[in-house]
PDB file of N, CA and C in Angstrom:
ATOM      1  N   MET A   1      82.536  79.167  93.662  1.00  0.00           N
ATOM      2  CA  MET A   1      83.518  78.582  93.070  1.00  0.00           C
ATOM      3  C   MET A   1      83.998  77.290  93.990  1.00  0.00           C
ATOM      4  N   SER A   2      84.408  76.256  93.402  1.00  0.00           N
ATOM      5  CA  SER A   2      84.768  75.067  94.202  1.00  0.00           C
ATOM      6  C   SER A   2      86.093  75.364  94.769  1.00  0.00           C
ATOM      7  N   ASP A   3      86.675  74.480  95.528  1.00  0.00           N
ATOM      8  CA  ASP A   3      87.934  74.536  96.135  1.00  0.00           C
ATOM      9  C   ASP A   3      89.030  74.888  95.049  1.00  0.00           C
ATOM     10  N   PRO A   4      89.788  75.920  95.266  1.00  0.00           N
ATOM     11  CA  PRO A   4      90.785  76.321  94.366  1.00  0.00           C
ATOM     12  C   PRO A   4      91.871  75.305  94.119  1.00  0.00           C
ATOM     13  N   HIS A   5      92.137  74.555  95.086  1.00  0.00           N
ATOM     14  CA  HIS A   5      93.259  73.447  94.921  1.00  0.00           C
ATOM     15  C   HIS A   5      92.619  72.372  93.978  1.00  0.00           C
ATOM     16  N   THR A   6      91.409  71.963  94.244  1.00  0.00           N
ATOM     17  CA  THR A   6      90.682  71.053  93.397  1.00  0.00           C
ATOM     18  C   THR A   6      90.584  71.534  91.943  1.00  0.00           C
ATOM     19  N   LEU A   7      90.240  72.753  91.730  1.00  0.00           N
ATOM     20  CA  LEU A   7      90.178  73.284  90.314  1.00  0.00           C
ATOM     21  C   LEU A   7      91.494  73.273  89.667  1.00  0.00           C
ATOM     22  N   LEU A   8      92.530  73.580  90.413  1.00  0.00           N
ATOM     23  CA  LEU A   8      93.884  73.596  89.783  1.00  0.00           C
ATOM     24  C   LEU A   8      94.559  72.152  89.714  1.00  0.00           C
ATOM     25  N   GLY A   9      93.954  71.305  90.557  1.00  0.00           N
ATOM     26  CA  GLY A   9      94.466  69.912  90.438  1.00  0.00           C
ATOM     27  C   GLY A   9      95.676  69.612  91.292  1.00  0.00           C
ATOM     28  N   VAL A  10      95.767  70.376  92.409  1.00  0.00           N
ATOM     29  CA  VAL A  10      96.880  70.258  93.273  1.00  0.00           C
ATOM     30  C   VAL A  10      96.317  70.011  94.701  1.00  0.00           C
ATOM     31  N   VAL A  11      97.131  69.349  95.554  1.00  0.00           N
ATOM     32  CA  VAL A  11      96.772  69.068  96.944  1.00  0.00           C
ATOM     33  C   VAL A  11      96.775  70.416  97.735  1.00  0.00           C
ATOM     34  N   PRO A  12      96.027  70.486  98.898  1.00  0.00           N
ATOM     35  CA  PRO A  12      95.979  71.798  99.513  1.00  0.00           C
ATOM     36  C   PRO A  12      97.320  72.079 100.217  1.00  0.00           C
ATOM     37  N   GLU A  13      98.203  71.066 100.345  1.00  0.00           N
ATOM     38  CA  GLU A  13      99.543  71.394 100.967  1.00  0.00           C
ATOM     39  C   GLU A  13     100.529  71.701  99.883  1.00  0.00           C
ATOM     40  N   ALA A  14     100.217  71.919  98.692  1.00  0.00           N
ATOM     41  CA  ALA A  14     101.179  72.289  97.575  1.00  0.00           C
ATOM     42  C   ALA A  14     101.942  73.566  97.783  1.00  0.00           C
ATOM     43  N   ASP A  15     103.161  73.485  97.409  1.00  0.00           N
ATOM     44  CA  ASP A  15     103.929  74.652  97.518  1.00  0.00           C
ATOM     45  C   ASP A  15     103.581  75.653  96.308  1.00  0.00           C
ATOM     46  N   SER A  16     104.214  76.819  96.455  1.00  0.00           N
ATOM     47  CA  SER A  16     103.847  77.822  95.454  1.00  0.00           C
ATOM     48  C   SER A  16     104.428  77.424  94.094  1.00  0.00           C
ATOM     49  N   ALA A  17     105.513  76.599  93.998  1.00  0.00           N
ATOM     50  CA  ALA A  17     105.957  76.241  92.580  1.00  0.00           C
ATOM     51  C   ALA A  17     105.025  75.359  91.982  1.00  0.00           C
ATOM     52  N   ALA A  18     104.450  74.320  92.717  1.00  0.00           N
ATOM     53  CA  ALA A  18     103.442  73.426  92.279  1.00  0.00           C
ATOM     54  C   ALA A  18     102.268  74.051  91.841  1.00  0.00           C
ATOM     55  N   ILE A  19     101.732  75.140  92.602  1.00  0.00           N
ATOM     56  CA  ILE A  19     100.535  75.865  92.312  1.00  0.00           C
ATOM     57  C   ILE A  19     100.790  76.509  90.951  1.00  0.00           C
ATOM     58  N   LYS A  20     101.904  77.066  90.853  1.00  0.00           N
ATOM     59  CA  LYS A  20     102.113  77.934  89.575  1.00  0.00           C
ATOM     60  C   LYS A  20     102.222  77.059  88.401  1.00  0.00           C
ATOM     61  N   ALA A  21     102.837  75.838  88.570  1.00  0.00           N
ATOM     62  CA  ALA A  21     102.831  75.006  87.439  1.00  0.00           C
ATOM     63  C   ALA A  21     101.504  74.279  87.013  1.00  0.00           C
ATOM     64  N   ALA A  22     100.709  74.055  88.039  1.00  0.00           N
ATOM     65  CA  ALA A  22      99.351  73.687  87.800  1.00  0.00           C
ATOM     66  C   ALA A  22      98.489  74.822  87.098  1.00  0.00           C
ATOM     67  N   TYR A  23      98.729  75.951  87.530  1.00  0.00           N
ATOM     68  CA  TYR A  23      98.037  77.261  86.870  1.00  0.00           C
ATOM     69  C   TYR A  23      98.430  77.290  85.426  1.00  0.00           C
ATOM     70  N   HIS A  24      99.719  77.176  85.127  1.00  0.00           N
ATOM     71  CA  HIS A  24     100.139  77.331  83.690  1.00  0.00           C
ATOM     72  C   HIS A  24      99.587  76.188  82.858  1.00  0.00           C
ATOM     73  N   ARG A  25      99.503  74.940  83.462  1.00  0.00           N
ATOM     74  CA  ARG A  25      98.949  73.711  82.733  1.00  0.00           C
ATOM     75  C   ARG A  25      97.427  74.047  82.339  1.00  0.00           C
ATOM     76  N   LYS A  26      96.754  74.662  83.256  1.00  0.00           N
ATOM     77  CA  LYS A  26      95.370  74.873  83.061  1.00  0.00           C
ATOM     78  C   LYS A  26      95.113  75.990  82.052  1.00  0.00           C
ATOM     79  N   LEU A  27      96.111  77.019  82.092  1.00  0.00           N
ATOM     80  CA  LEU A  27      96.183  78.077  81.061  1.00  0.00           C
ATOM     81  C   LEU A  27      96.190  77.533  79.626  1.00  0.00           C
ATOM     82  N   ARG A  28      97.118  76.570  79.512  1.00  0.00           N
ATOM     83  CA  ARG A  28      97.361  75.973  78.198  1.00  0.00           C
ATOM     84  C   ARG A  28      96.081  75.178  77.788  1.00  0.00           C
ATOM     85  N   GLU A  29      95.422  74.609  78.777  1.00  0.00           N
ATOM     86  CA  GLU A  29      94.222  73.854  78.425  1.00  0.00           C
ATOM     87  C   GLU A  29      93.079  74.663  78.022  1.00  0.00           C
ATOM     88  N   PHE A  30      92.955  75.855  78.834  1.00  0.00           N
ATOM     89  CA  PHE A  30      91.815  76.847  78.624  1.00  0.00           C
ATOM     90  C   PHE A  30      92.439  78.259  78.466  1.00  0.00           C
ATOM     91  N   PRO A  31      92.843  78.539  77.224  1.00  0.00           N
ATOM     92  CA  PRO A  31      93.412  80.013  76.936  1.00  0.00           C
ATOM     93  C   PRO A  31      92.345  81.007  77.168  1.00  0.00           C
ATOM     94  N   ALA A  32      92.801  82.085  77.577  1.00  0.00           N
ATOM     95  CA  ALA A  32      91.900  83.299  77.899  1.00  0.00           C
ATOM     96  C   ALA A  32      91.038  83.740  76.730  1.00  0.00           C
ATOM     97  N   HIS A  33      91.586  83.773  75.461  1.00  0.00           N
ATOM     98  CA  HIS A  33      90.815  84.278  74.332  1.00  0.00           C
ATOM     99  C   HIS A  33      89.713  83.394  73.784  1.00  0.00           C
ATOM    100  N   SER A  34      89.888  82.018  74.112  1.00  0.00           N
ATOM    101  CA  SER A  34      88.867  81.095  73.632  1.00  0.00           C
ATOM    102  C   SER A  34      87.968  80.616  74.806  1.00  0.00           C
ATOM    103  N   HIS A  35      88.347  80.735  76.046  1.00  0.00           N
ATOM    104  CA  HIS A  35      87.538  80.293  77.178  1.00  0.00           C
ATOM    105  C   HIS A  35      87.610  81.294  78.336  1.00  0.00           C
ATOM    106  N   PRO A  36      86.982  82.412  78.025  1.00  0.00           N
ATOM    107  CA  PRO A  36      87.150  83.584  79.094  1.00  0.00           C
ATOM    108  C   PRO A  36      86.578  83.248  80.534  1.00  0.00           C
ATOM    109  N   GLU A  37      85.500  82.464  80.488  1.00  0.00           N
ATOM    110  CA  GLU A  37      84.805  82.174  81.856  1.00  0.00           C
ATOM    111  C   GLU A  37      85.801  81.191  82.562  1.00  0.00           C
ATOM    112  N   GLU A  38      86.169  80.238  81.881  1.00  0.00           N
ATOM    113  CA  GLU A  38      87.147  79.219  82.649  1.00  0.00           C
ATOM    114  C   GLU A  38      88.448  79.916  83.014  1.00  0.00           C
ATOM    115  N   PHE A  39      88.909  80.822  82.199  1.00  0.00           N
ATOM    116  CA  PHE A  39      90.052  81.554  82.486  1.00  0.00           C
ATOM    117  C   PHE A  39      89.855  82.288  83.740  1.00  0.00           C
ATOM    118  N   GLN A  40      88.859  82.964  83.834  1.00  0.00           N
ATOM    119  CA  GLN A  40      88.570  83.810  85.081  1.00  0.00           C
ATOM    120  C   GLN A  40      88.568  82.927  86.361  1.00  0.00           C
ATOM    121  N   GLN A  41      87.818  81.715  86.276  1.00  0.00           N
ATOM    122  CA  GLN A  41      87.712  80.706  87.374  1.00  0.00           C
ATOM    123  C   GLN A  41      89.178  80.282  87.677  1.00  0.00           C
ATOM    124  N   ILE A  42      89.951  79.932  86.724  1.00  0.00           N
ATOM    125  CA  ILE A  42      91.321  79.455  86.997  1.00  0.00           C
ATOM    126  C   ILE A  42      92.131  80.540  87.621  1.00  0.00           C
ATOM    127  N   ARG A  43      92.055  81.773  87.073  1.00  0.00           N
ATOM    128  CA  ARG A  43      92.815  82.873  87.724  1.00  0.00           C
ATOM    129  C   ARG A  43      92.459  83.153  89.219  1.00  0.00           C
ATOM    130  N   SER A  44      91.116  83.093  89.404  1.00  0.00           N
ATOM    131  CA  SER A  44      90.640  83.283  90.808  1.00  0.00           C
ATOM    132  C   SER A  44      91.108  82.131  91.733  1.00  0.00           C
ATOM    133  N   ALA A  45      91.191  81.028  91.219  1.00  0.00           N
ATOM    134  CA  ALA A  45      91.567  79.828  92.026  1.00  0.00           C
ATOM    135  C   ALA A  45      92.958  79.863  92.242  1.00  0.00           C
ATOM    136  N   TYR A  46      93.856  80.313  91.328  1.00  0.00           N
ATOM    137  CA  TYR A  46      95.304  80.565  91.431  1.00  0.00           C
ATOM    138  C   TYR A  46      95.507  81.607  92.496  1.00  0.00           C
ATOM    139  N   GLU A  47      94.876  82.742  92.500  1.00  0.00           N
ATOM    140  CA  GLU A  47      95.086  83.765  93.418  1.00  0.00           C
ATOM    141  C   GLU A  47      94.755  83.339  94.811  1.00  0.00           C
ATOM    142  N   ALA A  48      93.618  82.509  94.894  1.00  0.00           N
ATOM    143  CA  ALA A  48      93.173  82.064  96.332  1.00  0.00           C
ATOM    144  C   ALA A  48      94.096  80.937  96.821  1.00  0.00           C
ATOM    145  N   ALA A  49      94.700  80.103  95.921  1.00  0.00           N
ATOM    146  CA  ALA A  49      95.570  79.222  96.371  1.00  0.00           C
ATOM    147  C   ALA A  49      96.889  79.803  96.859  1.00  0.00           C
ATOM    148  N   ARG A  50      97.371  80.865  96.110  1.00  0.00           N
ATOM    149  CA  ARG A  50      98.524  81.576  96.527  1.00  0.00           C
ATOM    150  C   ARG A  50      98.282  82.324  97.799  1.00  0.00           C
ATOM    151  N   ALA A  51      97.171  82.818  98.005  1.00  0.00           N
ATOM    152  CA  ALA A  51      96.937  83.487  99.272  1.00  0.00           C
ATOM    153  C   ALA A  51      96.932  82.576 100.385  1.00  0.00           C
ATOM    154  N   ALA A  52      96.319  81.345 100.195  1.00  0.00           N
ATOM    155  CA  ALA A  52      96.429  80.390 101.249  1.00  0.00           C
ATOM    156  C   ALA A  52      97.683  79.873 101.489  1.00  0.00           C
ATOM    157  N   GLY A  53      98.586  79.843 100.562  1.00  0.00           N
ATOM    158  CA  GLY A  53      99.956  79.324 100.762  1.00  0.00           C
ATOM    159  C   GLY A  53     100.687  80.437 101.540  1.00  0.00           C
ATOM    160  N   ALA A  54     100.443  81.760 101.222  1.00  0.00           N
ATOM    161  CA  ALA A  54     101.206  82.831 101.878  1.00  0.00           C
ATOM    162  C   ALA A  54     100.706  82.902 103.356  1.00  0.00           C
ATOM    163  N   SER A  55      99.404  82.635 103.545  1.00  0.00           N
ATOM    164  CA  SER A  55      98.996  82.581 105.007  1.00  0.00           C
ATOM    165  C   SER A  55      99.674  81.440 105.865  1.00  0.00           C
ATOM    166  N   ARG A  56     100.007  80.300 105.100  1.00  0.00           N
ATOM    167  CA  ARG A  56     100.696  79.259 105.827  1.00  0.00           C
ATOM    168  C   ARG A  56     102.096  79.395 106.084  1.00  0.00           C
ATOM    169  N   GLY A  57     102.680  80.545 105.541  1.00  0.00           N
ATOM    170  CA  GLY A  57     104.097  80.832 105.815  1.00  0.00           C
ATOM    171  C   GLY A  57     104.834  80.093 104.651  1.00  0.00           C
ATOM    172  N   ASP A  58     104.403  80.099 103.493  1.00  0.00           N
ATOM    173  CA  ASP A  58     105.106  79.313 102.401  1.00  0.00           C
ATOM    174  C   ASP A  58     106.615  80.070 102.277  1.00  0.00           C
ATOM    175  N   PRO A  59     107.583  79.236 102.300  1.00  0.00           N
ATOM    176  CA  PRO A  59     109.057  79.859 102.242  1.00  0.00           C
ATOM    177  C   PRO A  59     109.356  80.563 100.911  1.00  0.00           C
ATOM    178  N   LEU A  60     108.556  80.221  99.843  1.00  0.00           N
ATOM    179  CA  LEU A  60     108.837  80.922  98.619  1.00  0.00           C
ATOM    180  C   LEU A  60     108.217  82.093  98.367  1.00  0.00           C
ATOM    181  N   GLN A  61     107.360  82.458  99.284  1.00  0.00           N
ATOM    182  CA  GLN A  61     106.592  83.768  99.341  1.00  0.00           C
ATOM    183  C   GLN A  61     107.530  84.866 100.027  1.00  0.00           C
ATOM    184  N   PRO A  62     107.563  86.018  99.418  1.00  0.00           N
ATOM    185  CA  PRO A  62     108.426  87.002 100.225  1.00  0.00           C
ATOM    186  C   PRO A  62     107.829  87.394 101.347  1.00  0.00           C
ATOM    187  N   GLY A  63     108.588  87.650 102.388  1.00  0.00           N
ATOM    188  CA  GLY A  63     108.092  88.109 103.618  1.00  0.00           C
ATOM    189  C   GLY A  63     108.826  89.455 103.988  1.00  0.00           C
ATOM    190  N   PRO A  64     108.523  90.040 105.175  1.00  0.00           N
ATOM    191  CA  PRO A  64     109.243  91.241 105.582  1.00  0.00           C
ATOM    192  C   PRO A  64     110.724  90.914 105.829  1.00  0.00           C
ATOM    193  N   LEU A  65     111.579  91.893 105.448  1.00  0.00           N
ATOM    194  CA  LEU A  65     112.940  91.817 105.706  1.00  0.00           C
ATOM    195  C   LEU A  65     113.267  92.382 107.122  1.00  0.00           C
ATOM    196  N   LEU A  66     113.821  91.532 108.014  1.00  0.00           N
ATOM    197  CA  LEU A  66     114.174  92.105 109.323  1.00  0.00           C
ATOM    198  C   LEU A  66     115.689  92.233 109.381  1.00  0.00           C
ATOM    199  N   ALA A  67     116.093  93.366 109.776  1.00  0.00           N
ATOM    200  CA  ALA A  67     117.567  93.639 109.877  1.00  0.00           C
ATOM    201  C   ALA A  67     117.790  94.527 111.115  1.00  0.00           C
ATOM    202  N   SER A  68     118.899  94.469 111.680  1.00  0.00           N
ATOM    203  CA  SER A  68     119.397  95.375 112.631  1.00  0.00           C
ATOM    204  C   SER A  68     120.918  95.756 112.374  1.00  0.00           C
ATOM    205  N   LEU A  69     121.208  96.899 112.703  1.00  0.00           N
ATOM    206  CA  LEU A  69     122.561  97.356 112.527  1.00  0.00           C
ATOM    207  C   LEU A  69     123.287  97.530 113.840  1.00  0.00           C
ATOM    208  N   ASP A  70     124.543  97.104 113.922  1.00  0.00           N
ATOM    209  CA  ASP A  70     125.294  97.228 114.937  1.00  0.00           C
ATOM    210  C   ASP A  70     125.810  98.727 115.099  1.00  0.00           C
ATOM    211  N   ALA A  71     125.447  99.308 116.168  1.00  0.00           N
ATOM    212  CA  ALA A  71     125.655 100.788 116.347  1.00  0.00           C
ATOM    213  C   ALA A  71     127.187 101.165 116.349  1.00  0.00           C
ATOM    214  N   GLU A  72     127.935 100.298 116.902  1.00  0.00           N
ATOM    215  CA  GLU A  72     129.381 100.520 116.919  1.00  0.00           C
ATOM    216  C   GLU A  72     130.107 100.261 115.535  1.00  0.00           C
ATOM    217  N   ALA A  73     129.654  99.236 114.789  1.00  0.00           N
ATOM    218  CA  ALA A  73     130.181  99.086 113.387  1.00  0.00           C
ATOM    219  C   ALA A  73     129.577 100.208 112.481  1.00  0.00           C
ATOM    220  N   LEU A  74     128.484 100.673 112.745  1.00  0.00           N
ATOM    221  CA  LEU A  74     127.949 101.814 111.914  1.00  0.00           C
ATOM    222  C   LEU A  74     128.729 103.010 112.270  1.00  0.00           C
ATOM    223  N   ALA A  75     129.070 103.339 113.486  1.00  0.00           N
ATOM    224  CA  ALA A  75     129.836 104.523 113.891  1.00  0.00           C
ATOM    225  C   ALA A  75     131.236 104.361 113.128  1.00  0.00           C
ATOM    226  N   ALA A  76     131.865 103.158 113.214  1.00  0.00           N
ATOM    227  CA  ALA A  76     133.217 103.006 112.548  1.00  0.00           C
ATOM    228  C   ALA A  76     133.221 103.249 111.060  1.00  0.00           C
ATOM    229  N   VAL A  77     132.112 102.847 110.410  1.00  0.00           N
ATOM    230  CA  VAL A  77     131.970 103.056 108.960  1.00  0.00           C
ATOM    231  C   VAL A  77     131.826 104.527 108.752  1.00  0.00           C
ATOM    232  N   GLU A  78     131.032 105.194 109.513  1.00  0.00           N
ATOM    233  CA  GLU A  78     130.707 106.656 109.356  1.00  0.00           C
ATOM    234  C   GLU A  78     132.062 107.432 109.594  1.00  0.00           C
ATOM    235  N   ASN A  79     132.863 107.037 110.651  1.00  0.00           N
ATOM    236  CA  ASN A  79     134.124 107.702 110.801  1.00  0.00           C
ATOM    237  C   ASN A  79     135.089 107.495 109.775  1.00  0.00           C
ATOM    238  N   ARG A  80     135.124 106.323 109.078  1.00  0.00           N
ATOM    239  CA  ARG A  80     135.942 106.061 107.822  1.00  0.00           C
ATOM    240  C   ARG A  80     135.607 106.890 106.693  1.00  0.00           C
ATOM    241  N   VAL A  81     134.161 107.096 106.551  1.00  0.00           N
ATOM    242  CA  VAL A  81     133.715 107.844 105.495  1.00  0.00           C
ATOM    243  C   VAL A  81     134.083 109.342 105.673  1.00  0.00           C
ATOM    244  N   HIS A  82     133.964 109.876 106.836  1.00  0.00           N
ATOM    245  CA  HIS A  82     134.233 111.240 107.125  1.00  0.00           C
ATOM    246  C   HIS A  82     135.775 111.546 107.031  1.00  0.00           C
ATOM    247  N   ALA A  83     136.513 110.524 107.393  1.00  0.00           N
ATOM    248  CA  ALA A  83     137.880 110.697 107.253  1.00  0.00           C
ATOM    249  C   ALA A  83     138.419 110.736 105.791  1.00  0.00           C
ATOM    250  N   ALA A  84     137.718 109.821 105.017  1.00  0.00           N
ATOM    251  CA  ALA A  84     138.026 109.850 103.520  1.00  0.00           C
ATOM    252  C   ALA A  84     137.602 111.032 102.752  1.00  0.00           C
ATOM    253  N   CYS A  85     136.605 111.689 103.312  1.00  0.00           N
ATOM    254  CA  CYS A  85     136.087 112.925 102.744  1.00  0.00           C
ATOM    255  C   CYS A  85     136.839 114.329 103.113  1.00  0.00           C
ATOM    256  N   ARG A  86     137.651 114.209 104.165  1.00  0.00           N
ATOM    257  CA  ARG A  86     138.356 115.458 104.619  1.00  0.00           C
ATOM    258  C   ARG A  86     139.382 115.755 103.597  1.00  0.00           C
ATOM    259  N   LEU A  87     139.255 117.032 102.989  1.00  0.00           N
ATOM    260  CA  LEU A  87     140.248 117.476 102.111  1.00  0.00           C
ATOM    261  C   LEU A  87     140.890 118.800 102.709  1.00  0.00           C
ATOM    262  N   GLN A  88     142.114 119.035 102.327  1.00  0.00           N
ATOM    263  CA  GLN A  88     142.737 120.318 102.828  1.00  0.00           C
ATOM    264  C   GLN A  88     142.375 121.284 101.574  1.00  0.00           C
ATOM    265  N   LEU A  89     142.375 122.517 101.895  1.00  0.00           N
ATOM    266  CA  LEU A  89     142.013 123.593 100.840  1.00  0.00           C
ATOM    267  C   LEU A  89     142.989 123.452  99.719  1.00  0.00           C
ATOM    268  N   ALA A  90     144.284 123.117 100.058  1.00  0.00           N
ATOM    269  CA  ALA A  90     145.321 123.028  98.894  1.00  0.00           C
ATOM    270  C   ALA A  90     144.958 121.869  98.101  1.00  0.00           C
ATOM    271  N   ASP A  91     144.598 120.711  98.578  1.00  0.00           N
ATOM    272  CA  ASP A  91     144.144 119.576  97.824  1.00  0.00           C
ATOM    273  C   ASP A  91     142.944 119.918  96.962  1.00  0.00           C
ATOM    274  N   LEU A  92     142.042 120.676  97.561  1.00  0.00           N
ATOM    275  CA  LEU A  92     140.794 120.925  96.834  1.00  0.00           C
ATOM    276  C   LEU A  92     141.071 121.862  95.583  1.00  0.00           C
ATOM    277  N   LEU A  93     141.972 122.867  95.878  1.00  0.00           N
ATOM    278  CA  LEU A  93     142.362 123.829  94.606  1.00  0.00           C
ATOM    279  C   LEU A  93     143.088 123.006  93.618  1.00  0.00           C
ATOM    280  N   ARG A  94     144.029 122.026  94.083  1.00  0.00           N
ATOM    281  CA  ARG A  94     144.773 121.380  93.117  1.00  0.00           C
ATOM    282  C   ARG A  94     143.945 120.504  92.350  1.00  0.00           C
ATOM    283  N   LEU A  95     142.910 119.867  92.883  1.00  0.00           N
ATOM    284  CA  LEU A  95     142.003 118.925  92.200  1.00  0.00           C
ATOM    285  C   LEU A  95     141.022 119.767  91.197  1.00  0.00           C
ATOM    286  N   THR A  96     140.707 120.907  91.577  1.00  0.00           N
ATOM    287  CA  THR A  96     139.808 121.844  90.828  1.00  0.00           C
ATOM    288  C   THR A  96     140.515 122.278  89.567  1.00  0.00           C
ATOM    289  N   PHE A  97     141.697 122.764  89.670  1.00  0.00           N
ATOM    290  CA  PHE A  97     142.303 123.417  88.606  1.00  0.00           C
ATOM    291  C   PHE A  97     143.424 122.564  87.896  1.00  0.00           C
TER     292      PHE A  97
END
């Protein structure tokens, strides 16, 4: 297979939106039902170009979500939930019947 970017008609620095647009243009030119070999080549080139973009750190490609929780804020929320859930036996009976 030749260079995937050349096959799709995009520059190697193209972002994922440009790669996707070029892929769809090629699919209109070579539909899968009438050009199965070309379709396979285009699909392979699209996947290779996307993989190259992901390895470059393309901002449109999803990456891992990094988050941290503040232990003090988490404890405060937990205390509020526990306080809201405390019921007296009389309140429970009144709500049940």
